[in-house]
């Protein structure tokens, strides 16, 4: 089973990281690298990436045969997606355990950040009529 694990942060929480000490930032980065290596070694990592800040995001729609591009997501939003993992594992319970570990990434002073991680199964393609 494949799952997408999405890390959401609040606008204030996301920028707060920029104010952490260099040691705290280094510890968080090392945790993420170690966590990713563990998923790779377990054969559970499919793909992962961090995302740029929301002010670099754009919303694109099809309009009159051409893309229409606007700013987004909008600043009124309280949270935004900062990164994600696509993992392959045997059960929802294992996906939840992986998400919980991702949520435990250290913050200032080494305390777990408890960042919310949304877990969503990846849907396969729709069935094809034979």
Protein backbone atom coordinates (compact mmCIF):
# COMPACT_ATOMS: atom_id res chain seq x y z
CA UNK A 1 0.00 0.00 0.00
CA UNK A 2 1.23 3.48 -0.80
CA UNK A 3 0.56 6.50 1.38
CA UNK A 4 1.33 10.18 1.12
CA UNK A 5 2.45 11.72 4.40
CA UNK A 6 2.06 15.48 4.29
CA UNK A 7 3.72 17.83 6.78
CA UNK A 8 1.65 20.94 7.45
CA UNK A 9 2.87 23.95 9.42
CA UNK A 10 1.22 27.19 10.42
CA UNK A 11 2.45 30.40 8.86
CA UNK A 12 4.04 31.46 12.15
CA UNK A 13 5.48 27.99 12.90
CA UNK A 14 7.05 27.69 9.48
CA UNK A 15 8.89 31.00 9.65
CA UNK A 16 9.77 30.40 13.32
CA UNK A 17 12.33 27.80 12.18
CA UNK A 18 14.36 30.64 10.70
CA UNK A 19 14.82 31.98 14.24
CA UNK A 20 16.10 28.71 15.75
CA UNK A 21 19.72 28.39 16.82
CA UNK A 22 22.15 26.91 14.31
CA UNK A 23 22.45 23.85 16.57
CA UNK A 24 18.69 23.29 16.63
CA UNK A 25 18.46 23.66 12.85
CA UNK A 26 21.37 21.22 12.38
CA UNK A 27 19.71 18.71 14.74
CA UNK A 28 16.41 18.93 12.85
CA UNK A 29 18.15 18.48 9.49
CA UNK A 30 20.15 15.50 10.77
CA UNK A 31 16.94 13.94 12.12
CA UNK A 32 15.29 14.33 8.70
CA UNK A 33 18.29 12.83 6.89
CA UNK A 34 18.45 9.90 9.31
CA UNK A 35 14.68 9.37 9.06
CA UNK A 36 14.85 9.36 5.25
CA UNK A 37 17.80 6.90 5.30
CA UNK A 38 15.83 4.59 7.60
CA UNK A 39 12.85 4.60 5.23
CA UNK A 40 15.18 3.91 2.28
CA UNK A 41 16.92 1.05 4.10
CA UNK A 42 13.52 -0.45 5.02
CA UNK A 43 12.44 -0.24 1.37
CA UNK A 44 9.54 2.03 2.34
CA UNK A 45 10.66 5.30 0.74
CA UNK A 46 9.13 5.96 -2.66
CA UNK A 47 9.74 9.71 -2.89
CA UNK A 48 9.98 12.76 -0.65
CA UNK A 49 10.58 16.48 -0.96
CA UNK A 50 10.46 19.71 0.96
CA UNK A 51 8.55 22.56 -0.62
CA UNK A 52 9.33 26.24 -1.10
CA UNK A 53 7.46 28.83 0.97
CA UNK A 54 3.85 29.49 -0.09
CA UNK A 55 4.69 32.94 -1.46
CA UNK A 56 6.39 31.09 -4.33
CA UNK A 57 3.33 28.94 -5.07
CA UNK A 58 0.90 29.67 -7.88
CA UNK A 59 -2.62 28.47 -8.62
CA UNK A 60 -3.14 27.43 -12.26
CA UNK A 61 -6.46 26.91 -14.00
CA UNK A 62 -7.46 26.19 -17.55
CA UNK A 63 -9.35 29.09 -19.10
CA UNK A 64 -10.22 29.54 -22.75
CA UNK A 65 -7.59 27.04 -23.87
CA UNK A 66 -4.71 28.60 -21.94
CA UNK A 67 -3.32 28.47 -18.41
CA UNK A 68 -4.41 31.26 -16.09
CA UNK A 69 -1.91 31.76 -13.27
CA UNK A 70 -2.62 33.51 -9.97
CA UNK A 71 -0.91 33.80 -6.62
CA UNK A 72 -1.66 31.18 -4.03
CA UNK A 73 -2.14 29.61 -1.63
CA UNK A 74 -3.72 32.60 -0.06
CA UNK A 75 -2.38 34.30 3.09
CA UNK A 76 -5.72 33.80 4.84
CA UNK A 77 -4.87 30.12 5.09
CA UNK A 78 -3.67 29.19 8.54
CA UNK A 79 -1.55 26.23 7.48
CA UNK A 80 0.42 25.20 4.44
CA UNK A 81 2.14 22.09 3.12
CA UNK A 82 5.90 22.32 3.74
CA UNK A 83 6.98 18.83 2.69
CA UNK A 84 5.87 15.29 2.03
CA UNK A 85 6.86 11.64 1.77
CA UNK A 86 5.35 8.93 -0.40
CA UNK A 87 5.93 5.63 1.36
CA UNK A 88 5.09 2.04 0.56
CA UNK A 89 4.31 -0.18 3.52
CA UNK A 90 2.14 -3.13 4.51
CA UNK A 91 -0.59 -1.36 6.50
CA UNK A 92 -2.19 1.87 7.64
CA UNK A 93 -0.80 1.19 11.10
CA UNK A 94 2.76 1.22 9.72
CA UNK A 95 2.03 4.44 7.79
CA UNK A 96 0.76 5.96 11.06
CA UNK A 97 3.95 4.87 12.85
CA UNK A 98 6.10 6.46 10.13
CA UNK A 99 4.04 9.67 10.33
CA UNK A 100 4.38 9.77 14.12
CA UNK A 101 8.15 9.50 13.82
CA UNK A 102 8.18 12.31 11.24
CA UNK A 103 6.12 14.40 13.68
CA UNK A 104 8.73 13.86 16.41
CA UNK A 105 11.40 15.86 14.56
CA UNK A 106 13.36 17.88 17.14
CA UNK A 107 12.80 21.57 17.61
CA UNK A 108 14.40 24.10 19.94
CA UNK A 109 16.30 22.39 22.73
CA UNK A 110 15.60 19.00 21.16
CA UNK A 111 11.92 18.91 22.16
CA UNK A 112 9.70 17.15 19.58
CA UNK A 113 7.95 19.61 17.27
CA UNK A 114 4.80 17.45 17.05
CA UNK A 115 4.14 18.86 13.57
CA UNK A 116 0.86 17.45 12.21
CA UNK A 117 1.35 14.86 9.48
CA UNK A 118 -1.63 14.08 7.26
CA UNK A 119 -1.69 10.45 6.10
CA UNK A 120 -3.64 9.67 2.96
CA UNK A 121 -3.67 6.44 0.92
CA UNK A 122 -2.76 6.86 -2.73
CA UNK A 123 -5.63 5.79 -4.94
CA UNK A 124 -4.84 3.67 -7.94
CA UNK A 125 -6.17 4.37 -11.39
CA UNK A 126 -9.87 3.79 -11.96
CA UNK A 127 -10.76 0.33 -13.23
CA UNK A 128 -10.74 -0.07 -16.99
CA UNK A 129 -13.77 -1.78 -18.53
CA UNK A 130 -12.68 -4.87 -20.40
